Amino acid sequence: MAEAGRHERGVIDTSVVIDLDHLEASSLPVAIAVSAVTMAELAAGPHAATDSDERARRQDRLQRAEATFDPLPFDAESARAYGRVYAAVIAGGRKARGTRAVDLLIAATAVAAELPLYTRNGNDFQGLGGLLEVVEI
């Protein structure tokens, strides 16, 4: 751990990127990483908005994230980690497909990078404690 109990580095999921401007820096890792999967979710965001003001906010968020982060790729190591993540979720009696799959791809990226995952939705990552440190903020 880095200064005052903060991790030196960690992966933030899409929920944290969305709220980043409203979070205390002390609740985040010193060095922030994002997954390419998070960037994909952010890229889809403007297209999913039906309101023009919301679409503009999402486009702005995407552009700021693209300018700020060099995303961690979803690579072969992440793909292997996804198998372990998938198995842990199934073993916990939860579904690993559908809308949950994107969250689990982000988790697999963090597992492959051996970094904690910061989220606003800890429930999305239940059952992964043996594979991944999840930090809910």
N, C-alpha and C. Protein backbone atom coordinates (compact mmCIF):
# COMPACT_ATOMS: atom_id res chain seq x y z
N MET A 1 0.84 -1.19 0.00
CA MET A 1 0.00 0.00 0.00
C MET A 1 0.87 1.25 0.00
N ALA A 2 0.36 2.24 -0.61
CA ALA A 2 1.06 3.53 -0.69
C ALA A 2 0.65 4.40 0.49
N GLU A 3 0.75 5.68 0.32
CA GLU A 3 0.45 6.65 1.36
C GLU A 3 -0.92 6.45 2.01
N ALA A 4 -0.96 6.57 3.32
CA ALA A 4 -2.19 6.56 4.13
C ALA A 4 -3.16 5.46 3.73
N GLY A 5 -2.65 4.23 3.53
CA GLY A 5 -3.53 3.11 3.25
C GLY A 5 -4.03 3.03 1.82
N ARG A 6 -3.57 3.90 0.95
CA ARG A 6 -3.99 3.87 -0.45
C ARG A 6 -3.13 2.88 -1.23
N HIS A 7 -3.74 2.17 -2.15
CA HIS A 7 -2.97 1.30 -3.04
C HIS A 7 -2.14 2.17 -3.97
N GLU A 8 -0.98 1.67 -4.30
CA GLU A 8 -0.11 2.37 -5.24
C GLU A 8 -0.77 2.48 -6.61
N ARG A 9 -1.43 1.39 -7.03
CA ARG A 9 -2.08 1.35 -8.34
C ARG A 9 -3.34 0.51 -8.24
N GLY A 10 -4.33 0.82 -9.03
CA GLY A 10 -5.56 0.05 -9.06
C GLY A 10 -6.35 0.33 -10.32
N VAL A 11 -7.24 -0.60 -10.64
CA VAL A 11 -8.12 -0.47 -11.80
C VAL A 11 -9.45 0.12 -11.32
N ILE A 12 -9.93 1.15 -12.00
CA ILE A 12 -11.25 1.68 -11.68
C ILE A 12 -12.23 1.20 -12.75
N ASP A 13 -13.41 0.79 -12.31
CA ASP A 13 -14.39 0.33 -13.28
C ASP A 13 -15.19 1.51 -13.83
N THR A 14 -16.12 1.22 -14.70
CA THR A 14 -16.89 2.25 -15.38
C THR A 14 -17.67 3.12 -14.41
N SER A 15 -18.20 2.52 -13.35
CA SER A 15 -18.98 3.30 -12.38
C SER A 15 -18.12 4.37 -11.71
N VAL A 16 -16.86 4.06 -11.48
CA VAL A 16 -15.95 5.03 -10.86
C VAL A 16 -15.57 6.11 -11.87
N VAL A 17 -15.32 5.73 -13.11
CA VAL A 17 -15.00 6.74 -14.13
C VAL A 17 -16.15 7.73 -14.24
N ILE A 18 -17.38 7.24 -14.22
CA ILE A 18 -18.55 8.11 -14.34
C ILE A 18 -18.61 9.11 -13.20
N ASP A 19 -18.26 8.67 -12.00
CA ASP A 19 -18.35 9.53 -10.81
C ASP A 19 -17.02 10.18 -10.44
N LEU A 20 -16.00 10.03 -11.25
CA LEU A 20 -14.64 10.44 -10.89
C LEU A 20 -14.55 11.88 -10.41
N ASP A 21 -15.28 12.78 -11.03
CA ASP A 21 -15.22 14.20 -10.62
C ASP A 21 -15.82 14.46 -9.24
N HIS A 22 -16.56 13.49 -8.71
CA HIS A 22 -17.24 13.68 -7.43
C HIS A 22 -16.63 12.86 -6.30
N LEU A 23 -15.53 12.20 -6.56
CA LEU A 23 -14.91 11.34 -5.56
C LEU A 23 -13.67 11.99 -4.96
N GLU A 24 -13.43 11.72 -3.70
CA GLU A 24 -12.23 12.20 -3.03
C GLU A 24 -11.02 11.41 -3.55
N ALA A 25 -9.97 12.12 -3.88
CA ALA A 25 -8.76 11.47 -4.38
C ALA A 25 -8.23 10.44 -3.38
N SER A 26 -8.42 10.70 -2.10
CA SER A 26 -7.92 9.78 -1.07
C SER A 26 -8.63 8.43 -1.08
N SER A 27 -9.79 8.33 -1.75
CA SER A 27 -10.51 7.06 -1.82
C SER A 27 -10.07 6.23 -3.03
N LEU A 28 -9.18 6.79 -3.83
CA LEU A 28 -8.72 6.14 -5.06
C LEU A 28 -7.27 5.70 -4.93
N PRO A 29 -6.82 4.80 -5.81
CA PRO A 29 -5.40 4.45 -5.79
C PRO A 29 -4.57 5.66 -6.25
N VAL A 30 -3.31 5.66 -5.89
CA VAL A 30 -2.42 6.76 -6.28
C VAL A 30 -2.33 6.84 -7.80
N ALA A 31 -2.11 5.70 -8.46
CA ALA A 31 -2.08 5.63 -9.92
C ALA A 31 -3.30 4.86 -10.40
N ILE A 32 -4.07 5.46 -11.27
CA ILE A 32 -5.32 4.88 -11.73
C ILE A 32 -5.13 4.23 -13.09
N ALA A 33 -5.68 3.02 -13.22
CA ALA A 33 -5.70 2.33 -14.50
C ALA A 33 -7.16 2.03 -14.85
N VAL A 34 -7.45 1.97 -16.13
CA VAL A 34 -8.76 1.55 -16.61
C VAL A 34 -8.58 0.44 -17.63
N SER A 35 -9.59 -0.37 -17.76
CA SER A 35 -9.59 -1.45 -18.73
C SER A 35 -10.08 -0.94 -20.08
N ALA A 36 -9.60 -1.56 -21.14
CA ALA A 36 -10.13 -1.26 -22.48
C ALA A 36 -11.63 -1.55 -22.52
N VAL A 37 -12.09 -2.47 -21.71
CA VAL A 37 -13.52 -2.79 -21.66
C VAL A 37 -14.31 -1.60 -21.10
N THR A 38 -13.76 -0.93 -20.10
CA THR A 38 -14.40 0.29 -19.58
C THR A 38 -14.47 1.35 -20.68
N MET A 39 -13.40 1.49 -21.43
CA MET A 39 -13.40 2.47 -22.51
C MET A 39 -14.46 2.11 -23.55
N ALA A 40 -14.67 0.83 -23.80
CA ALA A 40 -15.72 0.41 -24.73
C ALA A 40 -17.10 0.77 -24.19
N GLU A 41 -17.31 0.57 -22.89
CA GLU A 41 -18.59 0.97 -22.30
C GLU A 41 -18.81 2.47 -22.42
N LEU A 42 -17.76 3.24 -22.17
CA LEU A 42 -17.87 4.70 -22.30
C LEU A 42 -18.14 5.10 -23.75
N ALA A 43 -17.55 4.40 -24.71
CA ALA A 43 -17.77 4.70 -26.12
C ALA A 43 -19.21 4.41 -26.53
N ALA A 44 -19.82 3.42 -25.92
CA ALA A 44 -21.21 3.09 -26.22
C ALA A 44 -22.19 4.06 -25.58
N GLY A 45 -21.77 4.69 -24.48
CA GLY A 45 -22.65 5.56 -23.71
C GLY A 45 -23.38 6.63 -24.49
N PRO A 46 -22.70 7.44 -25.29
CA PRO A 46 -23.41 8.48 -26.02
C PRO A 46 -24.48 7.92 -26.96
N HIS A 47 -24.23 6.75 -27.52
CA HIS A 47 -25.19 6.14 -28.45
C HIS A 47 -26.41 5.59 -27.74
N ALA A 48 -26.27 5.30 -26.45
CA ALA A 48 -27.38 4.75 -25.67
C ALA A 48 -28.27 5.84 -25.10
N ALA A 49 -27.80 7.08 -25.08
CA ALA A 49 -28.56 8.19 -24.50
C ALA A 49 -29.65 8.65 -25.48
N THR A 50 -30.84 8.87 -24.96
CA THR A 50 -31.93 9.36 -25.80
C THR A 50 -32.09 10.88 -25.70
N ASP A 51 -31.55 11.45 -24.63
CA ASP A 51 -31.62 12.89 -24.40
C ASP A 51 -30.35 13.55 -24.93
N SER A 52 -30.49 14.63 -25.68
CA SER A 52 -29.31 15.27 -26.29
C SER A 52 -28.35 15.83 -25.25
N ASP A 53 -28.86 16.36 -24.13
CA ASP A 53 -27.98 16.86 -23.07
C ASP A 53 -27.17 15.73 -22.45
N GLU A 54 -27.84 14.62 -22.19
CA GLU A 54 -27.14 13.46 -21.61
C GLU A 54 -26.14 12.90 -22.62
N ARG A 55 -26.50 12.86 -23.88
CA ARG A 55 -25.58 12.39 -24.91
C ARG A 55 -24.32 13.25 -24.92
N ALA A 56 -24.48 14.55 -24.81
CA ALA A 56 -23.32 15.47 -24.79
C ALA A 56 -22.46 15.24 -23.56
N ARG A 57 -23.08 15.02 -22.39
CA ARG A 57 -22.32 14.74 -21.16
C ARG A 57 -21.51 13.46 -21.31
N ARG A 58 -22.14 12.44 -21.88
CA ARG A 58 -21.45 11.17 -22.06
C ARG A 58 -20.31 11.29 -23.08
N GLN A 59 -20.52 12.06 -24.12
CA GLN A 59 -19.46 12.26 -25.11
C GLN A 59 -18.29 12.99 -24.48
N ASP A 60 -18.58 13.99 -23.66
CA ASP A 60 -17.53 14.73 -22.96
C ASP A 60 -16.75 13.80 -22.03
N ARG A 61 -17.47 12.96 -21.29
CA ARG A 61 -16.81 12.01 -20.38
C ARG A 61 -15.91 11.07 -21.16
N LEU A 62 -16.39 10.56 -22.28
CA LEU A 62 -15.59 9.67 -23.11
C LEU A 62 -14.33 10.37 -23.59
N GLN A 63 -14.46 11.57 -24.09
CA GLN A 63 -13.30 12.29 -24.61
C GLN A 63 -12.28 12.59 -23.52
N ARG A 64 -12.76 12.96 -22.33
CA ARG A 64 -11.83 13.20 -21.22
C ARG A 64 -11.12 11.92 -20.82
N ALA A 65 -11.85 10.81 -20.77
CA ALA A 65 -11.24 9.52 -20.42
C ALA A 65 -10.22 9.11 -21.47
N GLU A 66 -10.53 9.30 -22.74
CA GLU A 66 -9.59 8.95 -23.80
C GLU A 66 -8.31 9.79 -23.71
N ALA A 67 -8.45 11.04 -23.32
CA ALA A 67 -7.29 11.93 -23.21
C ALA A 67 -6.47 11.63 -21.95
N THR A 68 -7.10 11.03 -20.95
CA THR A 68 -6.45 10.83 -19.65
C THR A 68 -5.81 9.45 -19.50
N PHE A 69 -6.46 8.42 -20.00
CA PHE A 69 -6.05 7.05 -19.71
C PHE A 69 -5.49 6.32 -20.93
N ASP A 70 -4.48 5.51 -20.68
CA ASP A 70 -3.98 4.56 -21.64
C ASP A 70 -4.47 3.21 -21.13
N PRO A 71 -5.58 2.71 -21.69
CA PRO A 71 -6.24 1.55 -21.06
C PRO A 71 -5.42 0.26 -21.09
N LEU A 72 -5.65 -0.54 -20.05
CA LEU A 72 -5.09 -1.88 -20.01
C LEU A 72 -5.82 -2.72 -21.04
N PRO A 73 -5.11 -3.45 -21.87
CA PRO A 73 -5.80 -4.24 -22.91
C PRO A 73 -6.48 -5.47 -22.32
N PHE A 74 -7.51 -5.93 -23.02
CA PHE A 74 -8.06 -7.24 -22.71
C PHE A 74 -7.29 -8.20 -23.62
N ASP A 75 -6.25 -8.79 -23.04
CA ASP A 75 -5.31 -9.60 -23.81
C ASP A 75 -5.45 -11.08 -23.45
N ALA A 76 -4.49 -11.87 -23.89
CA ALA A 76 -4.54 -13.32 -23.65
C ALA A 76 -4.55 -13.64 -22.15
N GLU A 77 -3.77 -12.90 -21.36
CA GLU A 77 -3.75 -13.13 -19.91
C GLU A 77 -5.11 -12.78 -19.30
N SER A 78 -5.73 -11.72 -19.76
CA SER A 78 -7.08 -11.34 -19.29
C SER A 78 -8.09 -12.42 -19.67
N ALA A 79 -7.95 -12.97 -20.87
CA ALA A 79 -8.87 -14.03 -21.31
C ALA A 79 -8.75 -15.25 -20.41
N ARG A 80 -7.53 -15.61 -20.06
CA ARG A 80 -7.34 -16.75 -19.13
C ARG A 80 -7.93 -16.43 -17.77
N ALA A 81 -7.71 -15.20 -17.30
CA ALA A 81 -8.26 -14.80 -16.00
C ALA A 81 -9.79 -14.82 -16.03
N TYR A 82 -10.37 -14.49 -17.18
CA TYR A 82 -11.84 -14.50 -17.29
C TYR A 82 -12.39 -15.89 -17.00
N GLY A 83 -11.69 -16.92 -17.41
CA GLY A 83 -12.13 -18.28 -17.10
C GLY A 83 -12.23 -18.50 -15.60
N ARG A 84 -11.24 -18.03 -14.86
CA ARG A 84 -11.25 -18.17 -13.40
C ARG A 84 -12.36 -17.33 -12.77
N VAL A 85 -12.54 -16.11 -13.29
CA VAL A 85 -13.59 -15.22 -12.80
C VAL A 85 -14.96 -15.85 -13.05
N TYR A 86 -15.16 -16.34 -14.25
CA TYR A 86 -16.42 -16.99 -14.62
C TYR A 86 -16.72 -18.16 -13.69
N ALA A 87 -15.71 -19.02 -13.48
CA ALA A 87 -15.89 -20.19 -12.61
C ALA A 87 -16.25 -19.78 -11.19
N ALA A 88 -15.61 -18.74 -10.67
CA ALA A 88 -15.90 -18.28 -9.30
C ALA A 88 -17.32 -17.76 -9.18
N VAL A 89 -17.79 -17.05 -10.18
CA VAL A 89 -19.15 -16.51 -10.14
C VAL A 89 -20.17 -17.65 -10.19
N ILE A 90 -19.95 -18.61 -11.08
CA ILE A 90 -20.85 -19.76 -11.19
C ILE A 90 -20.85 -20.57 -9.89
N ALA A 91 -19.67 -20.78 -9.32
CA ALA A 91 -19.56 -21.52 -8.05
C ALA A 91 -20.32 -20.82 -6.94
N GLY A 92 -20.42 -19.51 -7.02
CA GLY A 92 -21.17 -18.74 -6.02
C GLY A 92 -22.67 -18.69 -6.29
N GLY A 93 -23.10 -19.42 -7.32
CA GLY A 93 -24.53 -19.49 -7.60
C GLY A 93 -25.09 -18.28 -8.33
N ARG A 94 -24.22 -17.52 -8.98
CA ARG A 94 -24.67 -16.32 -9.69
C ARG A 94 -24.49 -16.51 -11.20
N LYS A 95 -25.21 -15.73 -11.96
CA LYS A 95 -25.08 -15.76 -13.42
C LYS A 95 -23.82 -15.01 -13.84
N ALA A 96 -23.16 -15.53 -14.86
CA ALA A 96 -21.94 -14.90 -15.35
C ALA A 96 -22.11 -14.37 -16.77
N ARG A 97 -23.28 -14.47 -17.31
CA ARG A 97 -23.52 -14.02 -18.69
C ARG A 97 -24.47 -12.83 -18.70
N GLY A 98 -24.81 -12.38 -19.88
CA GLY A 98 -25.72 -11.25 -20.02
C GLY A 98 -25.02 -9.95 -19.65
N THR A 99 -25.76 -9.04 -19.03
CA THR A 99 -25.21 -7.73 -18.69
C THR A 99 -24.04 -7.84 -17.71
N ARG A 100 -24.00 -8.89 -16.94
CA ARG A 100 -22.92 -9.11 -15.97
C ARG A 100 -21.59 -9.38 -16.65
N ALA A 101 -21.60 -9.88 -17.86
CA ALA A 101 -20.35 -10.27 -18.53
C ALA A 101 -19.37 -9.12 -18.66
N VAL A 102 -19.86 -7.92 -18.95
CA VAL A 102 -18.95 -6.77 -19.11
C VAL A 102 -18.21 -6.50 -17.80
N ASP A 103 -18.93 -6.51 -16.68
CA ASP A 103 -18.28 -6.30 -15.38
C ASP A 103 -17.22 -7.36 -15.13
N LEU A 104 -17.52 -8.59 -15.51
CA LEU A 104 -16.58 -9.68 -15.27
C LEU A 104 -15.35 -9.59 -16.18
N LEU A 105 -15.51 -9.03 -17.37
CA LEU A 105 -14.35 -8.79 -18.25
C LEU A 105 -13.43 -7.73 -17.63
N ILE A 106 -14.03 -6.71 -17.02
CA ILE A 106 -13.24 -5.69 -16.32
C ILE A 106 -12.51 -6.33 -15.14
N ALA A 107 -13.23 -7.17 -14.39
CA ALA A 107 -12.61 -7.87 -13.25
C ALA A 107 -11.45 -8.74 -13.73
N ALA A 108 -11.63 -9.43 -14.85
CA ALA A 108 -10.58 -10.30 -15.37
C ALA A 108 -9.35 -9.49 -15.76
N THR A 109 -9.56 -8.29 -16.28
CA THR A 109 -8.43 -7.42 -16.61
C THR A 109 -7.64 -7.07 -15.35
N ALA A 110 -8.36 -6.76 -14.27
CA ALA A 110 -7.70 -6.44 -13.00
C ALA A 110 -6.98 -7.67 -12.43
N VAL A 111 -7.60 -8.84 -12.53
CA VAL A 111 -6.95 -10.07 -12.06
C VAL A 111 -5.65 -10.30 -12.84
N ALA A 112 -5.71 -10.17 -14.16
CA ALA A 112 -4.53 -10.40 -14.99
C ALA A 112 -3.41 -9.42 -14.65
N ALA A 113 -3.78 -8.18 -14.33
CA ALA A 113 -2.79 -7.15 -14.00
C ALA A 113 -2.36 -7.22 -12.54
N GLU A 114 -3.00 -8.11 -11.76
CA GLU A 114 -2.74 -8.26 -10.33
C GLU A 114 -2.92 -6.94 -9.59
N LEU A 115 -4.05 -6.27 -9.89
CA LEU A 115 -4.37 -4.99 -9.27
C LEU A 115 -5.74 -5.06 -8.61
N PRO A 116 -5.94 -4.28 -7.55
CA PRO A 116 -7.28 -4.21 -6.95
C PRO A 116 -8.24 -3.50 -7.91
N LEU A 117 -9.52 -3.81 -7.77
CA LEU A 117 -10.55 -3.19 -8.59
C LEU A 117 -11.40 -2.27 -7.74
N TYR A 118 -11.49 -1.03 -8.14
CA TYR A 118 -12.30 -0.02 -7.44
C TYR A 118 -13.63 0.12 -8.16
N THR A 119 -14.72 0.11 -7.39
CA THR A 119 -16.05 0.17 -7.98
C THR A 119 -17.01 0.94 -7.08
N ARG A 120 -18.10 1.39 -7.66
CA ARG A 120 -19.20 1.98 -6.90
C ARG A 120 -20.29 0.92 -6.68
N ASN A 121 -20.12 -0.25 -7.31
CA ASN A 121 -21.13 -1.32 -7.28
C ASN A 121 -20.48 -2.65 -6.87
N GLY A 122 -20.10 -2.73 -5.61
CA GLY A 122 -19.42 -3.92 -5.12
C GLY A 122 -20.20 -5.20 -5.33
N ASN A 123 -21.51 -5.10 -5.31
CA ASN A 123 -22.37 -6.26 -5.50
C ASN A 123 -22.11 -6.94 -6.84
N ASP A 124 -21.71 -6.16 -7.83
CA ASP A 124 -21.44 -6.72 -9.16
C ASP A 124 -20.28 -7.71 -9.14
N PHE A 125 -19.47 -7.66 -8.11
CA PHE A 125 -18.26 -8.48 -8.07
C PHE A 125 -18.26 -9.47 -6.91
N GLN A 126 -19.43 -9.76 -6.39
CA GLN A 126 -19.56 -10.73 -5.30
C GLN A 126 -19.00 -12.07 -5.73
N GLY A 127 -18.34 -12.72 -4.80
CA GLY A 127 -17.82 -14.05 -5.06
C GLY A 127 -16.42 -14.07 -5.67
N LEU A 128 -15.83 -12.91 -5.88
CA LEU A 128 -14.51 -12.86 -6.50
C LEU A 128 -13.39 -12.59 -5.50
N GLY A 129 -13.74 -12.58 -4.21
CA GLY A 129 -12.76 -12.26 -3.17
C GLY A 129 -11.51 -13.11 -3.19
N GLY A 130 -11.62 -14.35 -3.62
CA GLY A 130 -10.45 -15.22 -3.68
C GLY A 130 -9.51 -14.91 -4.84
N LEU A 131 -10.02 -14.19 -5.82
CA LEU A 131 -9.23 -13.87 -7.01
C LEU A 131 -8.78 -12.43 -7.08
N LEU A 132 -9.54 -11.56 -6.41
CA LEU A 132 -9.41 -10.13 -6.68
C LEU A 132 -9.80 -9.34 -5.43
N GLU A 133 -9.02 -8.31 -5.14
CA GLU A 133 -9.43 -7.39 -4.09
C GLU A 133 -10.37 -6.36 -4.71
N VAL A 134 -11.59 -6.31 -4.20
CA VAL A 134 -12.59 -5.35 -4.67
C VAL A 134 -12.70 -4.26 -3.62
N VAL A 135 -12.53 -3.02 -4.04
CA VAL A 135 -12.62 -1.88 -3.15
C VAL A 135 -13.85 -1.08 -3.56
N GLU A 136 -14.86 -1.09 -2.69
CA GLU A 136 -16.08 -0.34 -2.99
C GLU A 136 -15.94 1.06 -2.41
N ILE A 137 -16.17 2.06 -3.26
CA ILE A 137 -16.07 3.46 -2.80
C ILE A 137 -17.37 4.20 -3.06
